[in-house]
């Protein structure tokens, strides 16, 4: 699985058209200013703010709505929790010996 990055696009002018590229490449978005993207997209867009920690979020929190802050906190919490290994992860349900939920 590719690591995902939460990106904040500040309001104002968008001379380079970053918003359109983010919207096309976003896995998920909120409020038109927060985008979850693959890190390769972030590398192609210099000047974007990646929110990788609560500290990064606090730096832009005044510019975000309550819903956007909730979206960002949920993303960061999911990142901190990590991924748990689940029995049968990636196996077809008809794999011998595997009992589907």
PDB file of N, CA and C in Angstrom:
ATOM      1  N   UNK A   1       0.829  -1.180   0.000  1.00  0.00           N
ATOM      2  CA  UNK A   1       0.000   0.000   0.000  1.00  0.00           C
ATOM      3  C   UNK A   1       0.872   1.242   0.000  1.00  0.00           C
ATOM      4  N   UNK A   2       0.519   2.207  -0.803  1.00  0.00           N
ATOM      5  CA  UNK A   2       1.257   3.453  -0.872  1.00  0.00           C
ATOM      6  C   UNK A   2       0.834   4.358   0.262  1.00  0.00           C
ATOM      7  N   UNK A   3       1.789   4.997   0.887  1.00  0.00           N
ATOM      8  CA  UNK A   3       1.477   5.961   1.932  1.00  0.00           C
ATOM      9  C   UNK A   3       0.726   7.131   1.309  1.00  0.00           C
ATOM     10  N   UNK A   4      -0.266   7.606   2.019  1.00  0.00           N
ATOM     11  CA  UNK A   4      -1.040   8.744   1.544  1.00  0.00           C
ATOM     12  C   UNK A   4      -0.634   9.988   2.319  1.00  0.00           C
ATOM     13  N   UNK A   5      -0.836  11.153   1.712  1.00  0.00           N
ATOM     14  CA  UNK A   5      -0.453  12.422   2.313  1.00  0.00           C
ATOM     15  C   UNK A   5      -1.668  13.333   2.331  1.00  0.00           C
ATOM     16  N   UNK A   6      -1.857  14.041   3.446  1.00  0.00           N
ATOM     17  CA  UNK A   6      -2.916  15.034   3.543  1.00  0.00           C
ATOM     18  C   UNK A   6      -2.321  16.378   3.166  1.00  0.00           C
ATOM     19  N   UNK A   7      -2.944  17.035   2.192  1.00  0.00           N
ATOM     20  CA  UNK A   7      -2.437  18.302   1.674  1.00  0.00           C
ATOM     21  C   UNK A   7      -3.461  19.403   1.923  1.00  0.00           C
ATOM     22  N   UNK A   8      -2.971  20.551   2.380  1.00  0.00           N
ATOM     23  CA  UNK A   8      -3.807  21.738   2.562  1.00  0.00           C
ATOM     24  C   UNK A   8      -3.478  22.735   1.464  1.00  0.00           C
ATOM     25  N   UNK A   9      -4.494  23.147   0.735  1.00  0.00           N
ATOM     26  CA  UNK A   9      -4.333  24.157  -0.307  1.00  0.00           C
ATOM     27  C   UNK A   9      -4.970  25.439   0.209  1.00  0.00           C
ATOM     28  N   UNK A  10      -4.165  26.443   0.547  1.00  0.00           N
ATOM     29  CA  UNK A  10      -4.725  27.677   1.082  1.00  0.00           C
ATOM     30  C   UNK A  10      -5.646  28.362   0.075  1.00  0.00           C
ATOM     31  N   UNK A  11      -6.547  29.187   0.590  1.00  0.00           N
ATOM     32  CA  UNK A  11      -7.440  29.941  -0.290  1.00  0.00           C
ATOM     33  C   UNK A  11      -6.657  31.001  -1.053  1.00  0.00           C
ATOM     34  N   UNK A  12      -7.327  31.686  -1.917  1.00  0.00           N
ATOM     35  CA  UNK A  12      -6.676  32.730  -2.709  1.00  0.00           C
ATOM     36  C   UNK A  12      -6.457  32.292  -4.138  1.00  0.00           C
ATOM     37  N   UNK A  13      -5.546  32.978  -4.792  1.00  0.00           N
ATOM     38  CA  UNK A  13      -5.282  32.690  -6.197  1.00  0.00           C
ATOM     39  C   UNK A  13      -4.600  31.330  -6.363  1.00  0.00           C
ATOM     40  N   UNK A  14      -4.802  30.749  -7.518  1.00  0.00           N
ATOM     41  CA  UNK A  14      -4.227  29.444  -7.848  1.00  0.00           C
ATOM     42  C   UNK A  14      -3.628  29.535  -9.251  1.00  0.00           C
ATOM     43  N   UNK A  15      -2.567  30.337  -9.409  1.00  0.00           N
ATOM     44  CA  UNK A  15      -2.040  30.583 -10.753  1.00  0.00           C
ATOM     45  C   UNK A  15      -1.479  29.356 -11.453  1.00  0.00           C
ATOM     46  N   UNK A  16      -0.983  28.394 -10.701  1.00  0.00           N
ATOM     47  CA  UNK A  16      -0.377  27.217 -11.324  1.00  0.00           C
ATOM     48  C   UNK A  16      -1.391  26.111 -11.592  1.00  0.00           C
ATOM     49  N   UNK A  17      -2.644  26.310 -11.194  1.00  0.00           N
ATOM     50  CA  UNK A  17      -3.658  25.291 -11.425  1.00  0.00           C
ATOM     51  C   UNK A  17      -3.516  24.070 -10.530  1.00  0.00           C
ATOM     52  N   UNK A  18      -2.920  24.250  -9.355  1.00  0.00           N
ATOM     53  CA  UNK A  18      -2.703  23.127  -8.443  1.00  0.00           C
ATOM     54  C   UNK A  18      -4.030  22.519  -7.999  1.00  0.00           C
ATOM     55  N   UNK A  19      -5.057  23.350  -7.796  1.00  0.00           N
ATOM     56  CA  UNK A  19      -6.340  22.843  -7.327  1.00  0.00           C
ATOM     57  C   UNK A  19      -6.907  21.794  -8.291  1.00  0.00           C
ATOM     58  N   UNK A  20      -6.885  22.064  -9.565  1.00  0.00           N
ATOM     59  CA  UNK A  20      -7.425  21.122 -10.550  1.00  0.00           C
ATOM     60  C   UNK A  20      -6.655  19.806 -10.530  1.00  0.00           C
ATOM     61  N   UNK A  21      -5.330  19.873 -10.424  1.00  0.00           N
ATOM     62  CA  UNK A  21      -4.524  18.648 -10.387  1.00  0.00           C
ATOM     63  C   UNK A  21      -4.787  17.863  -9.098  1.00  0.00           C
ATOM     64  N   UNK A  22      -4.947  18.582  -7.987  1.00  0.00           N
ATOM     65  CA  UNK A  22      -5.252  17.906  -6.726  1.00  0.00           C
ATOM     66  C   UNK A  22      -6.625  17.251  -6.783  1.00  0.00           C
ATOM     67  N   UNK A  23      -7.601  17.949  -7.322  1.00  0.00           N
ATOM     68  CA  UNK A  23      -8.948  17.396  -7.417  1.00  0.00           C
ATOM     69  C   UNK A  23      -8.968  16.137  -8.280  1.00  0.00           C
ATOM     70  N   UNK A  24      -8.205  16.147  -9.376  1.00  0.00           N
ATOM     71  CA  UNK A  24      -8.150  14.966 -10.248  1.00  0.00           C
ATOM     72  C   UNK A  24      -7.446  13.803  -9.587  1.00  0.00           C
ATOM     73  N   UNK A  25      -6.399  14.094  -8.818  1.00  0.00           N
ATOM     74  CA  UNK A  25      -5.586  13.030  -8.241  1.00  0.00           C
ATOM     75  C   UNK A  25      -5.955  12.649  -6.822  1.00  0.00           C
ATOM     76  N   UNK A  26      -6.953  13.313  -6.245  1.00  0.00           N
ATOM     77  CA  UNK A  26      -7.288  13.071  -4.839  1.00  0.00           C
ATOM     78  C   UNK A  26      -7.947  11.718  -4.632  1.00  0.00           C
ATOM     79  N   UNK A  27      -7.553  11.065  -3.575  1.00  0.00           N
ATOM     80  CA  UNK A  27      -8.192   9.839  -3.132  1.00  0.00           C
ATOM     81  C   UNK A  27      -9.461  10.218  -2.382  1.00  0.00           C
ATOM     82  N   UNK A  28      -9.373  11.315  -1.626  1.00  0.00           N
ATOM     83  CA  UNK A  28     -10.496  11.843  -0.864  1.00  0.00           C
ATOM     84  C   UNK A  28     -10.221  13.325  -0.644  1.00  0.00           C
ATOM     85  N   UNK A  29     -11.282  14.120  -0.439  1.00  0.00           N
ATOM     86  CA  UNK A  29     -11.087  15.543  -0.186  1.00  0.00           C
ATOM     87  C   UNK A  29     -12.173  16.070   0.738  1.00  0.00           C
ATOM     88  N   UNK A  30     -11.916  17.263   1.285  1.00  0.00           N
ATOM     89  CA  UNK A  30     -12.897  17.913   2.158  1.00  0.00           C
ATOM     90  C   UNK A  30     -12.804  19.421   1.974  1.00  0.00           C
ATOM     91  N   UNK A  31     -13.949  20.045   1.787  1.00  0.00           N
ATOM     92  CA  UNK A  31     -14.015  21.495   1.742  1.00  0.00           C
ATOM     93  C   UNK A  31     -13.309  22.155   0.575  1.00  0.00           C
ATOM     94  N   UNK A  32     -12.826  21.397  -0.367  1.00  0.00           N
ATOM     95  CA  UNK A  32     -12.127  21.982  -1.510  1.00  0.00           C
ATOM     96  C   UNK A  32     -10.736  22.494  -1.189  1.00  0.00           C
ATOM     97  N   UNK A  33     -10.266  22.241   0.058  1.00  0.00           N
ATOM     98  CA  UNK A  33      -8.921  22.710   0.428  1.00  0.00           C
ATOM     99  C   UNK A  33      -8.065  21.627   1.068  1.00  0.00           C
ATOM    100  N   UNK A  34      -8.668  20.526   1.465  1.00  0.00           N
ATOM    101  CA  UNK A  34      -7.923  19.403   2.021  1.00  0.00           C
ATOM    102  C   UNK A  34      -8.039  18.226   1.067  1.00  0.00           C
ATOM    103  N   UNK A  35      -6.912  17.631   0.733  1.00  0.00           N
ATOM    104  CA  UNK A  35      -6.877  16.537  -0.229  1.00  0.00           C
ATOM    105  C   UNK A  35      -5.974  15.428   0.289  1.00  0.00           C
ATOM    106  N   UNK A  36      -6.454  14.203   0.215  1.00  0.00           N
ATOM    107  CA  UNK A  36      -5.597  13.052   0.505  1.00  0.00           C
ATOM    108  C   UNK A  36      -5.110  12.561  -0.847  1.00  0.00           C
ATOM    109  N   UNK A  37      -3.787  12.574  -1.008  1.00  0.00           N
ATOM    110  CA  UNK A  37      -3.191  12.229  -2.300  1.00  0.00           C
ATOM    111  C   UNK A  37      -2.022  11.266  -2.108  1.00  0.00           C
ATOM    112  N   UNK A  38      -1.623  10.663  -3.199  1.00  0.00           N
ATOM    113  CA  UNK A  38      -0.409   9.844  -3.205  1.00  0.00           C
ATOM    114  C   UNK A  38       0.793  10.787  -3.087  1.00  0.00           C
ATOM    115  N   UNK A  39       1.853  10.364  -2.432  1.00  0.00           N
ATOM    116  CA  UNK A  39       3.017  11.243  -2.263  1.00  0.00           C
ATOM    117  C   UNK A  39       3.648  11.682  -3.577  1.00  0.00           C
ATOM    118  N   UNK A  40       3.479  10.893  -4.626  1.00  0.00           N
ATOM    119  CA  UNK A  40       4.047  11.289  -5.921  1.00  0.00           C
ATOM    120  C   UNK A  40       3.385  12.561  -6.441  1.00  0.00           C
ATOM    121  N   UNK A  41       2.105  12.743  -6.168  1.00  0.00           N
ATOM    122  CA  UNK A  41       1.418  13.963  -6.594  1.00  0.00           C
ATOM    123  C   UNK A  41       1.943  15.162  -5.825  1.00  0.00           C
ATOM    124  N   UNK A  42       2.224  14.974  -4.553  1.00  0.00           N
ATOM    125  CA  UNK A  42       2.756  16.059  -3.734  1.00  0.00           C
ATOM    126  C   UNK A  42       4.124  16.492  -4.243  1.00  0.00           C
ATOM    127  N   UNK A  43       4.936  15.535  -4.657  1.00  0.00           N
ATOM    128  CA  UNK A  43       6.277  15.847  -5.151  1.00  0.00           C
ATOM    129  C   UNK A  43       6.224  16.702  -6.409  1.00  0.00           C
ATOM    130  N   UNK A  44       5.151  16.548  -7.192  1.00  0.00           N
ATOM    131  CA  UNK A  44       5.016  17.305  -8.430  1.00  0.00           C
ATOM    132  C   UNK A  44       4.426  18.695  -8.218  1.00  0.00           C
ATOM    133  N   UNK A  45       4.033  19.026  -6.992  1.00  0.00           N
ATOM    134  CA  UNK A  45       3.382  20.296  -6.698  1.00  0.00           C
ATOM    135  C   UNK A  45       4.143  21.054  -5.609  1.00  0.00           C
ATOM    136  N   UNK A  46       5.204  21.767  -5.969  1.00  0.00           N
ATOM    137  CA  UNK A  46       5.956  22.501  -4.954  1.00  0.00           C
ATOM    138  C   UNK A  46       5.090  23.594  -4.334  1.00  0.00           C
ATOM    139  N   UNK A  47       5.329  23.852  -3.058  1.00  0.00           N
ATOM    140  CA  UNK A  47       4.618  24.927  -2.377  1.00  0.00           C
ATOM    141  C   UNK A  47       3.339  24.498  -1.680  1.00  0.00           C
ATOM    142  N   UNK A  48       2.945  23.235  -1.799  1.00  0.00           N
ATOM    143  CA  UNK A  48       1.754  22.771  -1.100  1.00  0.00           C
ATOM    144  C   UNK A  48       2.122  22.400   0.330  1.00  0.00           C
ATOM    145  N   UNK A  49       1.154  22.528   1.230  1.00  0.00           N
ATOM    146  CA  UNK A  49       1.394  22.221   2.634  1.00  0.00           C
ATOM    147  C   UNK A  49       0.941  20.804   2.951  1.00  0.00           C
ATOM    148  N   UNK A  50       1.883  19.936   3.258  1.00  0.00           N
ATOM    149  CA  UNK A  50       1.537  18.586   3.698  1.00  0.00           C
ATOM    150  C   UNK A  50       1.302  18.637   5.200  1.00  0.00           C
ATOM    151  N   UNK A  51       0.173  18.094   5.642  1.00  0.00           N
ATOM    152  CA  UNK A  51      -0.143  18.054   7.070  1.00  0.00           C
ATOM    153  C   UNK A  51       0.182  16.649   7.556  1.00  0.00           C
ATOM    154  N   UNK A  52       1.320  16.510   8.217  1.00  0.00           N
ATOM    155  CA  UNK A  52       1.801  15.199   8.637  1.00  0.00           C
ATOM    156  C   UNK A  52       1.685  14.968  10.145  1.00  0.00           C
ATOM    157  N   UNK A  53       1.316  16.022  10.887  1.00  0.00           N
ATOM    158  CA  UNK A  53       1.245  15.889  12.345  1.00  0.00           C
ATOM    159  C   UNK A  53       0.222  16.875  12.906  1.00  0.00           C
ATOM    160  N   UNK A  54      -0.095  16.702  14.185  1.00  0.00           N
ATOM    161  CA  UNK A  54      -1.005  17.644  14.861  1.00  0.00           C
ATOM    162  C   UNK A  54      -0.404  19.047  14.854  1.00  0.00           C
ATOM    163  N   UNK A  55       0.897  19.126  14.948  1.00  0.00           N
ATOM    164  CA  UNK A  55       1.573  20.431  14.928  1.00  0.00           C
ATOM    165  C   UNK A  55       1.341  21.132  13.584  1.00  0.00           C
ATOM    166  N   UNK A  56       1.462  20.397  12.498  1.00  0.00           N
ATOM    167  CA  UNK A  56       1.191  20.964  11.173  1.00  0.00           C
ATOM    168  C   UNK A  56      -0.255  21.432  11.084  1.00  0.00           C
ATOM    169  N   UNK A  57      -1.160  20.643  11.645  1.00  0.00           N
ATOM    170  CA  UNK A  57      -2.581  20.998  11.614  1.00  0.00           C
ATOM    171  C   UNK A  57      -2.844  22.262  12.425  1.00  0.00           C
ATOM    172  N   UNK A  58      -2.232  22.359  13.599  1.00  0.00           N
ATOM    173  CA  UNK A  58      -2.422  23.564  14.429  1.00  0.00           C
ATOM    174  C   UNK A  58      -1.969  24.818  13.695  1.00  0.00           C
ATOM    175  N   UNK A  59      -0.954  24.696  12.854  1.00  0.00           N
ATOM    176  CA  UNK A  59      -0.430  25.856  12.132  1.00  0.00           C
ATOM    177  C   UNK A  59      -1.436  26.439  11.144  1.00  0.00           C
ATOM    178  N   UNK A  60      -2.365  25.612  10.651  1.00  0.00           N
ATOM    179  CA  UNK A  60      -3.346  26.091   9.668  1.00  0.00           C
ATOM    180  C   UNK A  60      -4.778  26.027  10.182  1.00  0.00           C
ATOM    181  N   UNK A  61      -4.974  25.598  11.434  1.00  0.00           N
ATOM    182  CA  UNK A  61      -6.316  25.370  11.980  1.00  0.00           C
ATOM    183  C   UNK A  61      -7.216  26.596  11.888  1.00  0.00           C
ATOM    184  N   UNK A  62      -6.668  27.784  12.055  1.00  0.00           N
ATOM    185  CA  UNK A  62      -7.484  29.006  12.010  1.00  0.00           C
ATOM    186  C   UNK A  62      -8.118  29.211  10.634  1.00  0.00           C
ATOM    187  N   UNK A  63      -7.533  28.635   9.609  1.00  0.00           N
ATOM    188  CA  UNK A  63      -8.047  28.786   8.251  1.00  0.00           C
ATOM    189  C   UNK A  63      -9.063  27.703   7.878  1.00  0.00           C
ATOM    190  N   UNK A  64      -9.226  26.697   8.740  1.00  0.00           N
ATOM    191  CA  UNK A  64     -10.091  25.565   8.429  1.00  0.00           C
ATOM    192  C   UNK A  64     -11.429  25.660   9.147  1.00  0.00           C
ATOM    193  N   UNK A  65     -12.454  25.146   8.499  1.00  0.00           N
ATOM    194  CA  UNK A  65     -13.763  25.046   9.142  1.00  0.00           C
ATOM    195  C   UNK A  65     -13.708  23.908  10.162  1.00  0.00           C
ATOM    196  N   UNK A  66     -14.737  23.810  10.984  1.00  0.00           N
ATOM    197  CA  UNK A  66     -14.804  22.733  11.963  1.00  0.00           C
ATOM    198  C   UNK A  66     -14.818  21.370  11.268  1.00  0.00           C
ATOM    199  N   UNK A  67     -15.555  21.271  10.170  1.00  0.00           N
ATOM    200  CA  UNK A  67     -15.627  20.012   9.425  1.00  0.00           C
ATOM    201  C   UNK A  67     -14.270  19.646   8.822  1.00  0.00           C
ATOM    202  N   UNK A  68     -13.559  20.633   8.295  1.00  0.00           N
ATOM    203  CA  UNK A  68     -12.234  20.374   7.722  1.00  0.00           C
ATOM    204  C   UNK A  68     -11.262  19.923   8.806  1.00  0.00           C
ATOM    205  N   UNK A  69     -11.344  20.544   9.983  1.00  0.00           N
ATOM    206  CA  UNK A  69     -10.472  20.140  11.087  1.00  0.00           C
ATOM    207  C   UNK A  69     -10.767  18.701  11.504  1.00  0.00           C
ATOM    208  N   UNK A  70     -12.037  18.339  11.553  1.00  0.00           N
ATOM    209  CA  UNK A  70     -12.423  16.973  11.899  1.00  0.00           C
ATOM    210  C   UNK A  70     -11.874  15.982  10.872  1.00  0.00           C
ATOM    211  N   UNK A  71     -11.989  16.316   9.599  1.00  0.00           N
ATOM    212  CA  UNK A  71     -11.467  15.480   8.514  1.00  0.00           C
ATOM    213  C   UNK A  71      -9.961  15.270   8.695  1.00  0.00           C
ATOM    214  N   UNK A  72      -9.241  16.364   8.949  1.00  0.00           N
ATOM    215  CA  UNK A  72      -7.785  16.300   9.103  1.00  0.00           C
ATOM    216  C   UNK A  72      -7.408  15.489  10.340  1.00  0.00           C
ATOM    217  N   UNK A  73      -8.105  15.707  11.435  1.00  0.00           N
ATOM    218  CA  UNK A  73      -7.796  14.953  12.662  1.00  0.00           C
ATOM    219  C   UNK A  73      -8.062  13.462  12.483  1.00  0.00           C
ATOM    220  N   UNK A  74      -9.131  13.136  11.783  1.00  0.00           N
ATOM    221  CA  UNK A  74      -9.444  11.730  11.526  1.00  0.00           C
ATOM    222  C   UNK A  74      -8.347  11.083  10.683  1.00  0.00           C
ATOM    223  N   UNK A  75      -7.883  11.793   9.664  1.00  0.00           N
ATOM    224  CA  UNK A  75      -6.806  11.263   8.820  1.00  0.00           C
ATOM    225  C   UNK A  75      -5.542  11.037   9.655  1.00  0.00           C
ATOM    226  N   UNK A  76      -5.170  12.029  10.464  1.00  0.00           N
ATOM    227  CA  UNK A  76      -3.964  11.911  11.273  1.00  0.00           C
ATOM    228  C   UNK A  76      -4.095  10.799  12.310  1.00  0.00           C
ATOM    229  N   UNK A  77      -5.272  10.643  12.892  1.00  0.00           N
ATOM    230  CA  UNK A  77      -5.488   9.577  13.879  1.00  0.00           C
ATOM    231  C   UNK A  77      -5.352   8.204  13.231  1.00  0.00           C
ATOM    232  N   UNK A  78      -5.886   8.089  12.029  1.00  0.00           N
ATOM    233  CA  UNK A  78      -5.776   6.815  11.314  1.00  0.00           C
ATOM    234  C   UNK A  78      -4.312   6.496  11.027  1.00  0.00           C
ATOM    235  N   UNK A  79      -3.554   7.513  10.690  1.00  0.00           N
ATOM    236  CA  UNK A  79      -2.126   7.322  10.401  1.00  0.00           C
ATOM    237  C   UNK A  79      -1.377   6.872  11.639  1.00  0.00           C
ATOM    238  N   UNK A  80      -1.708   7.456  12.787  1.00  0.00           N
ATOM    239  CA  UNK A  80      -1.015   7.105  14.026  1.00  0.00           C
ATOM    240  C   UNK A  80      -1.377   5.699  14.477  1.00  0.00           C
ATOM    241  N   UNK A  81      -2.609   5.289  14.229  1.00  0.00           N
ATOM    242  CA  UNK A  81      -3.050   3.965  14.664  1.00  0.00           C
ATOM    243  C   UNK A  81      -2.360   2.860  13.878  1.00  0.00           C
ATOM    244  N   UNK A  82      -1.951   3.154  12.653  1.00  0.00           N
ATOM    245  CA  UNK A  82      -1.302   2.151  11.821  1.00  0.00           C
ATOM    246  C   UNK A  82      -2.308   1.147  11.293  1.00  0.00           C
ATOM    247  N   UNK A  83      -1.796   0.163  10.630  1.00  0.00           N
ATOM    248  CA  UNK A  83      -2.659  -0.869  10.057  1.00  0.00           C
ATOM    249  C   UNK A  83      -2.491  -2.144  10.843  1.00  0.00           C
ATOM    250  N   UNK A  84      -3.603  -2.738  11.216  1.00  0.00           N
ATOM    251  CA  UNK A  84      -3.539  -4.009  11.919  1.00  0.00           C
ATOM    252  C   UNK A  84      -3.587  -5.141  10.901  1.00  0.00           C
ATOM    253  N   UNK A  85      -2.906  -6.204  11.214  1.00  0.00           N
ATOM    254  CA  UNK A  85      -2.927  -7.383  10.354  1.00  0.00           C
ATOM    255  C   UNK A  85      -4.206  -8.157  10.656  1.00  0.00           C
ATOM    256  N   UNK A  86      -4.980  -8.388   9.633  1.00  0.00           N
ATOM    257  CA  UNK A  86      -6.242  -9.102   9.810  1.00  0.00           C
ATOM    258  C   UNK A  86      -6.116 -10.508   9.243  1.00  0.00           C
ATOM    259  N   UNK A  87      -6.761 -11.487   9.904  1.00  0.00           N
ATOM    260  CA  UNK A  87      -6.709 -12.857   9.389  1.00  0.00           C
ATOM    261  C   UNK A  87      -7.295 -12.913   7.976  1.00  0.00           C
ATOM    262  N   UNK A  88      -6.596 -13.558   7.091  1.00  0.00           N
ATOM    263  CA  UNK A  88      -7.089 -13.707   5.732  1.00  0.00           C
ATOM    264  C   UNK A  88      -6.910 -12.480   4.865  1.00  0.00           C
ATOM    265  N   UNK A  89      -6.157 -11.485   5.314  1.00  0.00           N
ATOM    266  CA  UNK A  89      -5.974 -10.249   4.557  1.00  0.00           C
ATOM    267  C   UNK A  89      -5.476 -10.553   3.149  1.00  0.00           C
ATOM    268  N   UNK A  90      -6.229 -10.099   2.156  1.00  0.00           N
ATOM    269  CA  UNK A  90      -5.847 -10.260   0.765  1.00  0.00           C
ATOM    270  C   UNK A  90      -6.211 -11.606   0.146  1.00  0.00           C
ATOM    271  N   UNK A  91      -6.768 -12.513   0.924  1.00  0.00           N
ATOM    272  CA  UNK A  91      -7.132 -13.830   0.387  1.00  0.00           C
ATOM    273  C   UNK A  91      -8.546 -13.810  -0.182  1.00  0.00           C
ATOM    274  N   UNK A  92      -8.787 -14.550  -1.250  1.00  0.00           N
ATOM    275  CA  UNK A  92     -10.167 -14.701  -1.731  1.00  0.00           C
ATOM    276  C   UNK A  92     -10.996 -15.433  -0.676  1.00  0.00           C
ATOM    277  N   UNK A  93     -12.270 -15.164  -0.624  1.00  0.00           N
ATOM    278  CA  UNK A  93     -13.138 -15.772   0.380  1.00  0.00           C
ATOM    279  C   UNK A  93     -13.272 -17.284   0.203  1.00  0.00           C
ATOM    280  N   UNK A  94     -12.980 -17.780  -0.985  1.00  0.00           N
ATOM    281  CA  UNK A  94     -13.104 -19.229  -1.180  1.00  0.00           C
ATOM    282  C   UNK A  94     -11.765 -19.960  -1.008  1.00  0.00           C
ATOM    283  N   UNK A  95     -10.787 -19.314  -0.386  1.00  0.00           N
ATOM    284  CA  UNK A  95      -9.511 -19.960  -0.116  1.00  0.00           C
ATOM    285  C   UNK A  95      -9.742 -21.107   0.874  1.00  0.00           C
ATOM    286  N   UNK A  96      -9.209 -22.282   0.583  1.00  0.00           N
ATOM    287  CA  UNK A  96      -9.383 -23.422   1.506  1.00  0.00           C
ATOM    288  C   UNK A  96      -8.870 -23.074   2.911  1.00  0.00           C
ATOM    289  N   UNK A  97      -9.704 -23.368   3.907  1.00  0.00           N
ATOM    290  CA  UNK A  97      -9.337 -23.128   5.284  1.00  0.00           C
ATOM    291  C   UNK A  97      -9.671 -21.742   5.815  1.00  0.00           C
ATOM    292  N   UNK A  98     -10.048 -20.821   4.920  1.00  0.00           N
ATOM    293  CA  UNK A  98     -10.400 -19.465   5.353  1.00  0.00           C
ATOM    294  C   UNK A  98     -11.910 -19.362   5.504  1.00  0.00           C
ATOM    295  N   UNK A  99     -12.340 -18.856   6.651  1.00  0.00           N
ATOM    296  CA  UNK A  99     -13.760 -18.645   6.882  1.00  0.00           C
ATOM    297  C   UNK A  99     -14.063 -17.160   6.769  1.00  0.00           C
ATOM    298  N   UNK A 100     -14.856 -16.798   5.773  1.00  0.00           N
ATOM    299  CA  UNK A 100     -15.212 -15.391   5.559  1.00  0.00           C
ATOM    300  C   UNK A 100     -16.091 -14.897   6.691  1.00  0.00           C
ATOM    301  N   UNK A 101     -16.065 -13.595   6.980  1.00  0.00           N
ATOM    302  CA  UNK A 101     -16.897 -13.060   8.063  1.00  0.00           C
ATOM    303  C   UNK A 101     -18.377 -13.205   7.784  1.00  0.00           C
TER     304      UNK A 101
END
